[in-house]
Protein backbone atom coordinates (compact mmCIF):
# COMPACT_ATOMS: atom_id res chain seq x y z
CA UNK A 1 85.78 92.70 87.40
CA UNK A 2 85.13 95.48 90.01
CA UNK A 3 83.62 98.63 89.84
CA UNK A 4 84.96 102.20 90.67
CA UNK A 5 83.55 103.22 94.28
CA UNK A 6 83.92 106.66 95.74
CA UNK A 7 86.62 106.92 98.68
CA UNK A 8 85.33 105.74 101.83
CA UNK A 9 84.34 109.10 104.51
CA UNK A 10 87.26 109.93 106.46
CA UNK A 11 85.26 109.76 109.39
CA UNK A 12 85.42 105.77 109.05
CA UNK A 13 88.60 104.64 110.80
CA UNK A 14 88.65 101.01 110.35
CA UNK A 15 89.90 99.00 113.90
CA UNK A 16 93.87 97.57 113.74
CA UNK A 17 92.45 93.97 113.82
CA UNK A 18 90.72 95.36 110.55
CA UNK A 19 92.79 96.62 108.64
CA UNK A 20 95.09 93.58 109.84
CA UNK A 21 92.51 91.36 108.30
CA UNK A 22 92.17 93.29 105.22
CA UNK A 23 95.97 93.09 104.65
CA UNK A 24 95.75 89.11 104.86
CA UNK A 25 92.92 89.04 102.58
CA UNK A 26 94.52 91.04 100.08
CA UNK A 27 97.49 88.82 100.42
CA UNK A 28 96.05 85.94 100.04
CA UNK A 29 93.61 87.39 96.73
CA UNK A 30 96.52 88.44 95.22
CA UNK A 31 98.98 85.41 95.70
CA UNK A 32 96.11 83.29 94.14
CA UNK A 33 97.33 84.92 90.91
CA UNK A 34 100.48 82.67 90.92
CA UNK A 35 98.07 79.54 91.14
CA UNK A 36 96.18 80.37 87.98
CA UNK A 37 92.61 81.51 89.54
CA UNK A 38 92.23 85.29 88.53
CA UNK A 39 88.88 84.93 89.48
CA UNK A 40 89.03 83.75 93.08
CA UNK A 41 91.91 86.53 93.54
CA UNK A 42 88.88 89.20 92.38
CA UNK A 43 86.07 87.71 94.24
CA UNK A 44 88.28 88.16 97.64
CA UNK A 45 89.13 91.55 96.76
CA UNK A 46 85.91 92.57 95.48
CA UNK A 47 84.26 92.39 99.06
CA UNK A 48 86.67 94.85 100.67
CA UNK A 49 87.70 98.45 100.42
CA UNK A 50 90.84 99.06 102.59
CA UNK A 51 93.90 100.71 101.27
CA UNK A 52 94.86 97.11 100.21
CA UNK A 53 92.20 95.84 99.11
CA UNK A 54 92.09 98.86 96.11
CA UNK A 55 95.82 98.79 95.91
CA UNK A 56 94.99 94.61 94.97
CA UNK A 57 92.05 95.40 93.09
CA UNK A 58 94.28 97.63 90.74
CA UNK A 59 96.75 95.38 90.39
CA UNK A 60 94.15 92.54 89.44
CA UNK A 61 93.14 94.98 86.26
CA UNK A 62 96.56 96.22 85.61
CA UNK A 63 97.41 92.34 85.16
CA UNK A 64 94.57 92.39 82.93
CA UNK A 65 95.04 95.55 80.89
CA UNK A 66 98.99 95.49 80.46
CA UNK A 67 98.36 91.65 79.12
CA UNK A 68 95.83 92.83 76.54
CA UNK A 69 97.10 96.02 76.05
CA UNK A 70 93.90 97.49 77.21
CA UNK A 71 93.56 101.25 77.51
CA UNK A 72 90.48 101.49 79.27
CA UNK A 73 91.11 98.47 81.60
CA UNK A 74 94.09 100.69 82.57
CA UNK A 75 91.96 103.87 83.04
CA UNK A 76 90.84 101.96 85.63
CA UNK A 77 93.83 100.74 87.27
CA UNK A 78 94.48 104.01 87.44
CA UNK A 79 91.39 105.10 89.71
CA UNK A 80 91.54 101.80 92.11
CA UNK A 81 95.42 103.04 92.46
CA UNK A 82 94.52 107.00 93.74
CA UNK A 83 92.08 105.90 95.92
CA UNK A 84 94.82 103.23 97.78
CA UNK A 85 97.58 105.70 97.65
CA UNK A 86 95.13 108.45 99.12
CA UNK A 87 93.62 105.60 101.65
CA UNK A 88 96.76 104.91 102.64
CA UNK A 89 98.37 107.86 102.78
CA UNK A 90 95.67 109.01 105.35
CA UNK A 91 96.12 105.41 107.57
CA UNK A 92 99.41 106.32 107.94
CA UNK A 93 98.86 109.52 109.51
CA UNK A 94 96.12 108.72 111.97
CA UNK A 95 98.89 105.62 113.08
CA UNK A 96 99.12 105.98 117.08
CA UNK A 97 103.04 105.71 118.46
CA UNK A 98 103.84 101.92 119.27
CA UNK A 99 103.67 100.93 123.00
CA UNK A 100 107.28 99.42 124.43
CA UNK A 101 105.61 96.21 124.12
CA UNK A 102 105.36 96.14 120.01
CA UNK A 103 106.39 93.18 118.37
CA UNK A 104 107.25 94.80 115.46
CA UNK A 105 110.34 95.58 114.31
CA UNK A 106 109.35 98.81 111.69
CA UNK A 107 108.03 102.31 112.83
CA UNK A 108 104.32 102.54 113.18
CA UNK A 109 102.35 102.84 110.28
CA UNK A 110 105.25 101.19 107.60
CA UNK A 111 102.08 98.85 105.85
CA UNK A 112 100.49 101.48 104.52
CA UNK A 113 103.98 103.48 103.43
CA UNK A 114 104.88 100.15 101.39
CA UNK A 115 100.69 99.99 100.38
CA UNK A 116 101.41 103.83 99.23
CA UNK A 117 104.67 103.01 97.57
CA UNK A 118 103.58 99.93 95.31
CA UNK A 119 100.58 102.03 94.63
CA UNK A 120 102.51 104.81 93.47
CA UNK A 121 105.03 102.24 91.17
CA UNK A 122 102.01 100.44 89.86
CA UNK A 123 100.38 103.86 88.82
CA UNK A 124 103.69 104.81 87.05
CA UNK A 125 103.50 101.14 84.94
CA UNK A 126 99.56 102.77 84.22
CA UNK A 127 101.12 106.25 83.24
CA UNK A 128 103.70 104.26 80.24
CA UNK A 129 99.95 102.40 79.00
CA UNK A 130 98.41 105.59 78.94
CA UNK A 131 100.79 106.53 75.87
CA UNK A 132 100.20 110.81 77.17
CA UNK A 133 103.30 112.58 77.39
CA UNK A 134 101.98 114.30 80.78
CA UNK A 135 100.68 111.04 82.27
CA UNK A 136 104.25 109.52 81.54
CA UNK A 137 106.28 112.76 83.49
CA UNK A 138 103.97 111.96 86.43
CA UNK A 139 104.97 108.41 86.18
CA UNK A 140 107.98 109.42 86.82
CA UNK A 141 107.50 111.39 89.58
CA UNK A 142 105.35 108.49 91.14
CA UNK A 143 108.49 106.37 91.08
CA UNK A 144 110.45 108.96 92.49
CA UNK A 145 107.96 108.77 95.42
CA UNK A 146 108.04 105.23 95.91
CA UNK A 147 111.97 104.99 95.60
CA UNK A 148 112.38 107.88 98.33
CA UNK A 149 109.69 105.63 100.84
CA UNK A 150 111.28 102.11 99.89
CA UNK A 151 114.47 103.68 100.78
CA UNK A 152 113.54 105.37 103.81
CA UNK A 153 112.04 101.67 105.05
CA UNK A 154 115.45 100.27 104.24
CA UNK A 155 117.84 102.57 106.01
CA UNK A 156 115.68 101.84 108.92
CA UNK A 157 116.16 98.47 109.03
CA UNK A 158 119.80 98.84 107.95
CA UNK A 159 120.41 100.67 111.40
CA UNK A 160 118.25 98.60 113.18
CA UNK A 161 120.62 95.62 111.92
CA UNK A 162 123.54 97.06 112.51
CA UNK A 163 122.53 97.90 116.05
CA UNK A 164 121.51 94.66 117.06
CA UNK A 165 124.85 93.38 115.89
CA UNK A 166 126.91 95.95 117.62
CA UNK A 167 124.97 95.12 120.99
CA UNK A 168 126.45 91.77 120.13
CA UNK A 169 129.51 92.02 119.39
CA UNK A 170 132.21 95.15 119.28
CA UNK A 171 132.59 94.30 115.68
CA UNK A 172 130.34 96.37 113.36
CA UNK A 173 131.19 94.93 109.73
CA UNK A 174 129.61 91.15 109.57
CA UNK A 175 128.97 89.06 106.52
CA UNK A 176 125.70 88.69 106.78
CA UNK A 177 123.43 91.35 107.29
CA UNK A 178 119.53 92.48 106.32
CA UNK A 179 118.56 95.85 104.32
CA UNK A 180 122.26 97.57 103.90
CA UNK A 181 122.96 100.88 102.66
CA UNK A 182 124.78 101.60 99.77
CA UNK A 183 128.09 102.53 101.72
CA UNK A 184 128.23 99.32 103.83
CA UNK A 185 127.15 96.96 101.01
CA UNK A 186 130.27 98.54 98.91
CA UNK A 187 132.49 98.04 101.74
CA UNK A 188 131.07 94.53 102.34
CA UNK A 189 132.67 92.19 99.54
CA UNK A 190 130.63 88.93 100.81
CA UNK A 191 127.22 90.60 100.33
CA UNK A 192 128.47 91.39 96.55
CA UNK A 193 129.20 88.17 95.55
CA UNK A 194 126.76 86.48 97.67
CA UNK A 195 122.91 86.18 97.45
CA UNK A 196 122.44 85.24 101.20
CA UNK A 197 120.88 88.05 103.50
CA UNK A 198 120.25 86.84 107.20
CA UNK A 199 116.69 87.22 107.99
CA UNK A 200 114.96 88.88 110.80
CA UNK A 201 112.16 87.15 112.99
CA UNK A 202 108.74 88.41 111.68
CA UNK A 203 105.93 87.49 114.02
CA UNK A 204 103.39 89.64 112.67
CA UNK A 205 101.64 89.92 109.01
CA UNK A 206 102.20 93.88 108.77
CA UNK A 207 106.12 92.95 109.37
CA UNK A 208 106.06 90.53 106.82
CA UNK A 209 103.91 92.60 104.53
CA UNK A 210 106.67 95.43 104.79
CA UNK A 211 109.76 93.53 105.15
CA UNK A 212 109.20 91.62 101.28
CA UNK A 213 107.14 94.43 100.15
CA UNK A 214 110.09 96.46 100.83
CA UNK A 215 112.26 94.31 99.61
CA UNK A 216 111.27 93.27 96.29
CA UNK A 217 109.97 96.87 95.60
CA UNK A 218 113.64 98.44 96.25
CA UNK A 219 115.39 95.60 94.98
CA UNK A 220 113.22 95.77 91.38
CA UNK A 221 113.92 99.68 91.67
CA UNK A 222 118.19 98.77 92.06
CA UNK A 223 118.26 96.19 89.95
CA UNK A 224 116.43 98.63 86.95
CA UNK A 225 118.05 101.61 87.75
CA UNK A 226 121.48 99.88 87.03
CA UNK A 227 120.50 98.67 84.02
CA UNK A 228 119.89 102.47 82.81
CA UNK A 229 123.19 103.45 79.91
CA UNK A 230 125.87 105.05 81.86
CA UNK A 231 125.20 108.12 79.68
CA UNK A 232 121.72 108.52 82.04
CA UNK A 233 123.47 107.71 85.04
CA UNK A 234 124.45 110.91 86.00
CA UNK A 235 121.06 112.47 85.16
CA UNK A 236 119.05 109.95 87.72
CA UNK A 237 121.63 110.51 90.58
CA UNK A 238 120.97 114.04 90.27
CA UNK A 239 117.33 113.62 90.69
CA UNK A 240 118.09 111.24 93.62
CA UNK A 241 118.14 107.84 92.10
CA UNK A 242 120.92 105.30 92.34
CA UNK A 243 121.06 101.66 90.86
CA UNK A 244 123.15 99.07 92.66
CA UNK A 245 122.47 95.84 90.64
CA UNK A 246 124.42 93.36 93.41
CA UNK A 247 122.57 94.77 96.26
CA UNK A 248 119.16 94.48 94.46
CA UNK A 249 119.26 91.20 93.55
CA UNK A 250 120.58 90.11 96.79
CA UNK A 251 116.83 91.87 98.12
CA UNK A 252 114.81 89.53 95.49
CA UNK A 253 116.44 86.34 96.35
CA UNK A 254 116.03 87.09 99.96
CA UNK A 255 112.17 87.53 99.13
CA UNK A 256 111.88 85.00 97.25
CA UNK A 257 112.28 82.72 100.44
CA UNK A 258 108.86 84.05 101.51
CA UNK A 259 105.09 81.93 100.43
CA UNK A 260 103.37 85.40 99.70
CA UNK A 261 102.77 87.35 96.19
CA UNK A 262 105.93 89.31 97.35
CA UNK A 263 107.94 85.81 96.84
CA UNK A 264 106.26 85.08 93.79
CA UNK A 265 106.85 88.32 92.61
CA UNK A 266 110.46 88.54 93.56
CA UNK A 267 111.12 84.93 91.54
CA UNK A 268 109.21 86.20 88.70
CA UNK A 269 111.92 89.61 88.78
CA UNK A 270 114.71 87.35 89.41
CA UNK A 271 114.56 84.57 86.50
CA UNK A 272 112.91 87.46 84.01
CA UNK A 273 116.07 89.15 84.86
CA UNK A 274 118.40 85.99 84.01
CA UNK A 275 116.43 85.16 80.91
CA UNK A 276 117.11 88.69 79.40
CA UNK A 277 120.65 88.15 80.80
CA UNK A 278 121.00 85.28 78.91
CA UNK A 279 119.09 86.27 76.04
CA UNK A 280 120.39 89.22 75.87
CA UNK A 281 123.98 87.97 76.97
CA UNK A 282 126.45 86.50 73.82
CA UNK A 283 129.35 87.75 76.39
CA UNK A 284 129.46 86.31 79.36
CA UNK A 285 131.65 84.74 82.19
CA UNK A 286 130.91 81.81 84.18
CA UNK A 287 129.50 83.88 87.05
CA UNK A 288 126.83 85.93 85.34
CA UNK A 289 123.94 83.40 85.98
CA UNK A 290 123.67 81.08 88.85
CA UNK A 291 122.27 78.33 86.73
CA UNK A 292 121.82 76.13 89.36
CA UNK A 293 120.06 78.10 91.53
CA UNK A 294 117.56 79.59 89.37
CA UNK A 295 116.86 75.73 88.50
CA UNK A 296 116.09 75.06 92.26
CA UNK A 297 113.92 78.78 92.38
CA UNK A 298 111.46 77.28 89.61
CA UNK A 299 111.44 73.80 91.18
CA UNK A 300 109.83 75.69 94.54
CA UNK A 301 108.03 77.78 92.75
CA UNK A 302 106.10 75.10 91.01
CA UNK A 303 105.91 73.14 94.08
CA UNK A 304 104.39 76.21 96.11
CA UNK A 305 101.88 76.97 93.06
CA UNK A 306 101.38 73.52 90.58
CA UNK A 307 98.47 75.52 88.39
CA UNK A 308 100.17 78.66 87.65
CA UNK A 309 101.09 79.40 83.82
CA UNK A 310 103.94 81.64 85.51
CA UNK A 311 105.95 78.82 86.25
CA UNK A 312 105.49 76.35 83.52
CA UNK A 313 106.48 79.38 81.57
CA UNK A 314 109.51 79.36 83.54
CA UNK A 315 110.09 75.62 83.05
CA UNK A 316 110.11 75.29 79.50
CA UNK A 317 112.43 79.06 79.34
CA UNK A 318 114.72 76.34 81.40
CA UNK A 319 114.32 73.89 79.43
CA UNK A 320 115.06 75.76 76.34
CA UNK A 321 118.08 77.26 77.97
CA UNK A 322 119.63 73.55 77.63
CA UNK A 323 118.70 73.43 73.81
CA UNK A 324 115.84 71.06 74.19
CA UNK A 325 113.51 72.68 72.29
CA UNK A 326 111.13 69.24 71.63
CA UNK A 327 110.73 69.63 75.28
CA UNK A 328 110.03 73.10 75.86
CA UNK A 329 107.21 73.09 73.68
CA UNK A 330 106.03 69.79 75.06
CA UNK A 331 105.80 71.76 78.72
CA UNK A 332 103.98 74.67 77.34
CA UNK A 333 101.51 72.18 75.29
CA UNK A 334 100.24 70.65 78.70
CA UNK A 335 96.77 71.20 79.62
CA UNK A 336 95.66 74.31 81.89
CA UNK A 337 92.86 74.71 84.49
CA UNK A 338 91.26 77.92 84.87
CA UNK A 339 92.27 78.88 81.81
CA UNK A 340 92.88 83.17 81.50
CA UNK A 341 93.18 84.69 78.04
CA UNK A 342 96.03 87.17 79.08
CA UNK A 343 97.96 84.63 80.39
CA UNK A 344 97.52 81.69 77.88
CA UNK A 345 98.46 84.08 75.58
CA UNK A 346 102.33 84.38 77.29
CA UNK A 347 102.31 80.78 76.96
CA UNK A 348 101.08 80.40 73.01
CA UNK A 349 103.49 83.46 71.91
CA UNK A 350 106.38 81.76 74.40
CA UNK A 351 105.66 78.46 72.23
CA UNK A 352 105.28 79.55 69.12
CA UNK A 353 108.42 80.94 69.27
CA UNK A 354 109.86 77.74 70.23
CA UNK A 355 108.72 76.23 67.60
CA UNK A 356 110.20 78.91 65.42
CA UNK A 357 113.53 77.98 66.30
CA UNK A 358 113.12 74.17 66.15
CA UNK A 359 111.92 74.41 62.13
CA UNK A 360 108.48 73.90 62.98
CA UNK A 361 107.10 75.62 60.75
CA UNK A 362 103.62 74.94 60.33
CA UNK A 363 102.84 75.33 63.95
CA UNK A 364 104.33 77.66 64.18
CA UNK A 365 102.53 79.46 61.69
CA UNK A 366 99.38 78.12 63.58
CA UNK A 367 100.66 79.18 66.57
CA UNK A 368 101.25 83.31 66.00
CA UNK A 369 97.73 83.18 63.81
CA UNK A 370 96.31 82.05 67.11
CA UNK A 371 97.86 84.71 69.07
CA UNK A 372 95.73 87.45 67.27
CA UNK A 373 92.82 86.40 68.93
CA UNK A 374 94.30 86.56 72.61
CA UNK A 375 96.31 89.82 72.02
CA UNK A 376 95.89 93.22 70.88
CA UNK A 377 99.58 93.59 71.18
CA UNK A 378 101.52 94.02 67.88
CA UNK A 379 99.25 92.14 66.05
CA UNK A 380 101.41 93.24 63.09
CA UNK A 381 104.46 91.35 63.99
CA UNK A 382 102.05 88.24 64.25
CA UNK A 383 100.81 88.16 60.71
CA UNK A 384 104.27 88.73 60.16
CA UNK A 385 105.98 85.62 61.85
CA UNK A 386 102.93 83.62 60.31
CA UNK A 387 103.95 84.74 57.00
CA UNK A 388 107.65 84.00 57.26
CA UNK A 389 106.43 80.36 58.36
CA UNK A 390 105.36 80.35 55.15
CA UNK A 391 107.70 81.17 53.24
CA UNK A 392 109.83 78.68 54.65
CA UNK A 393 107.57 76.03 53.86
CA UNK A 394 106.76 77.65 50.19
CA UNK A 395 110.97 76.99 49.49
CA UNK A 396 111.12 73.78 50.08
CA UNK A 397 107.75 72.79 48.57
CA UNK A 398 108.66 73.89 45.67
CA UNK A 399 110.53 71.30 44.06
CA UNK A 400 109.20 68.42 45.84
CA UNK A 401 105.47 69.45 45.82
CA UNK A 402 104.80 72.60 43.31
CA UNK A 403 100.72 72.51 44.26
CA UNK A 404 101.71 72.63 48.10
CA UNK A 405 103.49 75.19 47.51
CA UNK A 406 101.18 77.58 45.59
CA UNK A 407 99.00 76.62 48.84
CA UNK A 408 102.07 77.96 50.60
CA UNK A 409 102.75 80.69 48.63
CA UNK A 410 98.66 82.56 48.88
CA UNK A 411 98.85 81.88 52.56
CA UNK A 412 101.90 83.94 52.97
CA UNK A 413 100.80 86.46 50.63
CA UNK A 414 97.03 86.94 52.41
CA UNK A 415 99.51 87.22 55.79
CA UNK A 416 101.63 89.72 54.90
CA UNK A 417 98.87 92.27 53.59
CA UNK A 418 97.03 91.60 56.57
CA UNK A 419 100.37 92.59 58.11
CA UNK A 420 100.34 96.16 56.34
CA UNK A 421 96.83 96.56 55.97
CA UNK A 422 95.00 94.65 57.51
CA UNK A 423 95.52 95.46 61.53
CA UNK A 424 95.79 98.97 63.48
CA UNK A 425 99.74 99.55 64.34
CA UNK A 426 100.90 99.55 68.15
CA UNK A 427 101.85 102.87 69.59
CA UNK A 428 103.75 103.90 72.38
CA UNK A 429 103.31 107.71 72.58
CA UNK A 430 102.32 108.63 69.04
CA UNK A 431 105.07 106.37 68.05
CA UNK A 432 105.27 103.13 66.11
CA UNK A 433 106.53 100.28 68.26
CA UNK A 434 109.74 99.21 66.71
CA UNK A 435 108.60 95.88 65.53
CA UNK A 436 105.65 97.03 63.91
CA UNK A 437 107.95 100.13 62.28
CA UNK A 438 110.36 97.03 60.58
CA UNK A 439 107.54 94.83 59.35
CA UNK A 440 106.26 98.09 57.26
CA UNK A 441 109.54 98.92 56.34
CA UNK A 442 110.02 95.17 55.26
CA UNK A 443 107.16 94.57 53.25
CA UNK A 444 107.80 97.89 51.39
CA UNK A 445 111.10 96.68 50.35
CA UNK A 446 110.11 93.83 49.41
CA UNK A 447 107.12 95.23 47.35
CA UNK A 448 109.21 97.56 45.75
CA UNK A 449 111.23 94.83 44.38
CA UNK A 450 108.49 92.58 42.97
CA UNK A 451 107.48 95.38 40.90
CA UNK A 452 111.14 96.04 40.18
CA UNK A 453 111.74 92.37 38.73
CA UNK A 454 108.00 91.91 37.66
CA UNK A 455 107.33 88.88 40.34
CA UNK A 456 104.56 87.74 43.04
CA UNK A 457 105.45 89.49 46.17
CA UNK A 458 106.36 86.02 48.15
CA UNK A 459 108.94 85.68 45.24
CA UNK A 460 110.26 88.63 46.03
CA UNK A 461 111.30 88.36 49.53
CA UNK A 462 114.85 88.46 50.14
CA UNK A 463 116.80 85.85 52.77
CA UNK A 464 114.95 83.99 55.18
CA UNK A 465 113.01 86.26 56.84
CA UNK A 466 112.63 83.15 59.63
CA UNK A 467 115.94 83.44 60.07
CA UNK A 468 116.23 87.38 60.36
CA UNK A 469 113.70 86.87 63.25
CA UNK A 470 115.39 84.48 64.92
CA UNK A 471 118.48 85.99 65.10
CA UNK A 472 116.71 89.56 66.41
CA UNK A 473 115.38 87.07 68.99
CA UNK A 474 118.67 85.53 70.04
CA UNK A 475 117.45 82.27 69.43
CA UNK A 476 120.72 80.65 67.76
CA UNK A 477 121.89 80.25 71.24
CA UNK A 478 118.62 77.55 71.92
CA UNK A 479 119.94 75.23 68.90
CA UNK A 480 121.22 71.93 68.72
CA UNK A 481 123.64 71.04 65.85
CA UNK A 482 121.16 69.87 63.53
CA UNK A 483 118.83 72.65 63.95
CA UNK A 484 121.76 74.94 63.11
CA UNK A 485 122.47 72.86 59.99
CA UNK A 486 118.62 73.29 59.15
CA UNK A 487 118.93 77.06 59.43
CA UNK A 488 121.81 77.62 57.92
CA UNK A 489 120.08 75.81 54.98
CA UNK A 490 117.04 77.75 55.15
CA UNK A 491 119.80 80.95 54.68
CA UNK A 492 121.37 79.81 51.86
CA UNK A 493 118.30 78.88 50.26
CA UNK A 494 118.89 82.46 48.62
CA UNK A 495 121.71 82.08 46.70
CA UNK A 496 120.00 79.71 44.65
CA UNK A 497 117.13 82.24 43.52
CA UNK A 498 117.21 83.44 40.20
CA UNK A 499 116.77 86.74 41.47
CA UNK A 500 120.08 86.51 43.77
CA UNK A 501 122.52 88.14 41.01
CA UNK A 502 120.46 91.29 41.08
CA UNK A 503 120.17 91.20 45.01
CA UNK A 504 121.23 94.73 46.97
CA UNK A 505 124.41 94.93 49.17
CA UNK A 506 122.23 95.41 51.97
CA UNK A 507 120.37 91.97 51.44
CA UNK A 508 123.53 89.99 50.26
CA UNK A 509 124.82 91.19 53.62
CA UNK A 510 121.92 89.74 55.56
CA UNK A 511 122.88 86.49 54.32
CA UNK A 512 126.29 87.10 55.41
CA UNK A 513 125.67 88.10 59.02
CA UNK A 514 123.47 84.86 59.18
CA UNK A 515 125.58 83.06 58.09
CA UNK A 516 128.27 84.14 60.32
CA UNK A 517 126.48 83.73 63.70
CA UNK A 518 125.20 80.24 62.76
CA UNK A 519 128.91 79.21 62.29
CA UNK A 520 129.84 81.01 65.33
CA UNK A 521 127.97 78.42 67.64
CA UNK A 522 128.90 75.75 65.15
CA UNK A 523 132.02 76.75 66.55
CA UNK A 524 133.36 77.66 63.50
CA UNK A 525 134.87 80.92 64.36
CA UNK A 526 138.09 81.83 62.14
CA UNK A 527 134.58 81.06 59.11
CA UNK A 528 132.56 83.43 61.50
CA UNK A 529 135.29 86.01 61.52
CA UNK A 530 136.20 85.62 58.20
CA UNK A 531 132.32 86.80 57.10
CA UNK A 532 131.88 89.44 59.51
CA UNK A 533 135.18 91.29 57.96
CA UNK A 534 133.74 90.66 54.31
CA UNK A 535 130.69 92.98 55.97
CA UNK A 536 132.73 95.64 57.33
CA UNK A 537 134.24 96.34 54.11
CA UNK A 538 131.32 97.56 52.30
CA UNK A 539 130.87 101.39 51.97
CA UNK A 540 128.32 102.22 54.65
CA UNK A 541 126.29 104.61 52.06
CA UNK A 542 124.75 100.98 51.04
CA UNK A 543 122.91 100.43 53.88
CA UNK A 544 121.45 104.12 54.17
CA UNK A 545 118.27 104.88 52.35
CA UNK A 546 114.39 104.60 53.95
CA UNK A 547 113.97 100.96 52.57
CA UNK A 548 117.33 99.61 53.51
CA UNK A 549 118.79 97.47 56.35
CA UNK A 550 120.96 99.85 58.34
CA UNK A 551 121.20 97.76 61.21
CA UNK A 552 123.03 95.38 59.21
CA UNK A 553 126.50 97.08 60.28
CA UNK A 554 126.36 98.12 63.78
CA UNK A 555 124.88 94.38 64.13
CA UNK A 556 128.65 93.31 62.50
CA UNK A 557 130.87 95.28 64.89
CA UNK A 558 128.81 93.70 67.53
CA UNK A 559 129.17 89.57 66.04
CA UNK A 560 133.00 91.07 65.83
CA UNK A 561 133.26 91.69 69.46
CA UNK A 562 131.34 88.11 70.61
CA UNK A 563 134.20 86.49 67.93
CA UNK A 564 136.99 88.25 70.15
CA UNK A 565 135.61 87.59 73.41
CA UNK A 566 135.07 84.06 72.41
CA UNK A 567 138.46 83.90 70.91
CA UNK A 568 140.03 84.57 74.07
CA UNK A 569 140.43 80.82 75.22
CA UNK A 570 141.24 79.62 72.33
CA UNK A 571 145.17 78.08 72.55
CA UNK A 572 147.60 80.48 71.78
CA UNK A 573 145.56 83.90 71.65
CA UNK A 574 146.57 86.24 74.42
CA UNK A 575 143.37 86.76 76.71
CA UNK A 576 144.52 90.43 77.28
CA UNK A 577 144.59 91.41 73.76
CA UNK A 578 141.87 89.76 72.88
CA UNK A 579 139.14 90.93 75.79
CA UNK A 580 140.83 94.86 74.66
CA UNK A 581 139.96 93.77 70.90
CA UNK A 582 136.32 92.67 72.01
CA UNK A 583 135.99 96.12 74.37
CA UNK A 584 136.99 98.29 71.01
CA UNK A 585 134.40 96.45 68.80
CA UNK A 586 131.83 97.24 71.41
CA UNK A 587 132.55 100.71 72.18
CA UNK A 588 132.09 101.70 68.14
CA UNK A 589 128.09 100.29 68.75
CA UNK A 590 128.01 101.83 71.77
CA UNK A 591 128.16 105.50 69.92
CA UNK A 592 126.91 104.47 66.49
CA UNK A 593 124.05 106.48 65.12
CA UNK A 594 120.17 105.91 65.46
CA UNK A 595 119.17 102.70 63.35
CA UNK A 596 116.60 100.16 63.43
CA UNK A 597 115.60 98.04 66.46
CA UNK A 598 118.50 99.70 68.12
CA UNK A 599 117.28 99.07 71.56
CA UNK A 600 117.55 95.54 71.68
CA UNK A 601 121.17 95.53 70.17
CA UNK A 602 122.08 98.78 72.61
CA UNK A 603 120.59 96.62 75.64
CA UNK A 604 122.82 93.96 74.66
CA UNK A 605 126.05 96.10 74.50
CA UNK A 606 124.90 97.29 77.45
CA UNK A 607 125.44 93.98 79.13
CA UNK A 608 128.60 93.17 77.45
CA UNK A 609 130.11 95.98 78.53
CA UNK A 610 129.29 95.35 81.83
CA UNK A 611 130.53 91.55 81.59
CA UNK A 612 133.99 93.07 80.11
CA UNK A 613 134.57 95.97 82.97
CA UNK A 614 133.95 93.07 85.59
CA UNK A 615 136.02 90.95 83.99
CA UNK A 616 139.12 93.77 83.54
CA UNK A 617 138.38 94.27 87.43
CA UNK A 618 139.01 90.69 88.65
CA UNK A 619 142.30 90.32 86.15
CA UNK A 620 143.37 93.38 87.68
CA UNK A 621 142.61 92.21 91.40
CA UNK A 622 144.40 88.76 90.77
CA UNK A 623 147.46 90.53 89.22
CA UNK A 624 147.94 92.65 92.35
CA UNK A 625 147.64 89.63 94.21
């Protein structure tokens, strides 16, 4: 790891050649992370002290700290970032105007502007990890500074491209451009619907760094800002932020063509975005997810970085997307060269989740327990998931192997107790993280029920907590028919419990909701709609209370929206009517009062509303023509 070093004297001015070499070293070092060699990256970066080296060191520390939730490491990252930002600012101010023979397509010193802006963005991440409100506000200011710097470079490139095109032709409008401003992109329908951008001739390391760095960071910002709920969009525009998903995605796809750290990060950003879209997207039309292009991108990255855990993860996700969970688990079980704890933890968490969806409960439980040694993040949730898997094994073995069932019960009890009392609860800004709060409430609910019935804690557990967690993860969509049948069996187990007749309304509705979801994925829409209608008839007061599951009613409304959307393609249905029906359900959920884990459902609702809005526009356009 690096030691924090005092800034160099202002009198020490590196030569242009030295700075170019420093930039090349830094790009090489950080790129090696994507081939699973963090140690090499840290060794290379430790040898230099340029603004680029300091930025690289900060990113290495930030990588370790963010994956391990290490506050002390975050503090060190902040120091490196401050040094990188200050040095880049000084170097930018000292850059001499280029000669007429300059090969650069960017203003002199643009590489330092990108370095400075990247440091500001990373500093904003550190501010969030610090969990202090003052730092958080400072982080927002850093984001705005970075946004303005990147927009300035992007605007310059936009003007340059248009100037060159005008010299070639009298037509100001073209179907291929590089970085376009908002107005140009809005006018260019081809740019809205295609991810292709014409790459300029880049002849220097600095230009490549500037071009790819701007496209990566500005593109990611545009996409992120476009995903902010509409209620906050106006506020962001007042302070100068304006999102644009289509433009942002185009810039990220352009950057992913490059074999450097920015290209690798752009690929990760794209795949993460589409992975979130698939996970959060129950309401999709065929154009939301470019499946073939994403698969080709993963193949390219695996060839480019054959040792990387990052691309192994993405390969597994693509496989799971095809409902091949067994194969996805095998991919994540491959041995890894140069194992790094923070990266291995990502693999193990993902694999444990696939084992959950695959109903491999023993392996799932062992996997989540293994995560505890690798990550400090939300350990209560890991114990809870491990306990949930043991509860399923206990229920399955009660009749066939009572002795083994008691072992599972004992293990589940131990894990639940540890989740409740034995680990530190993860907080953000002094607020318990949503899933940690969920775990605490569920165990409190079961304990209260155990006391009421005079039974052990595990025997008071309600409807399959594993299936409930699968629902939260959006996991039923990755299951094949046999796995869906297994889910239905585990959900239905509670109906045979001797205590089911005394179950509360909210507990009964959990079972009904989960059944409806499985039936929907089995293609049985009438049954799904009928079950959901039963939930909506219940008195809303039944879901209120400190221990009650208040997320059920909004989730049932959202599920009705999915059913309506899916029914639009059923023979005999009026598509327009079903789409409007879907929109109405979504509107109801979007205006719901605060409820447990509402952030996850809000993301799904926002994604669905965007799809419905786009669909309406396309239908309207087709009608006009």
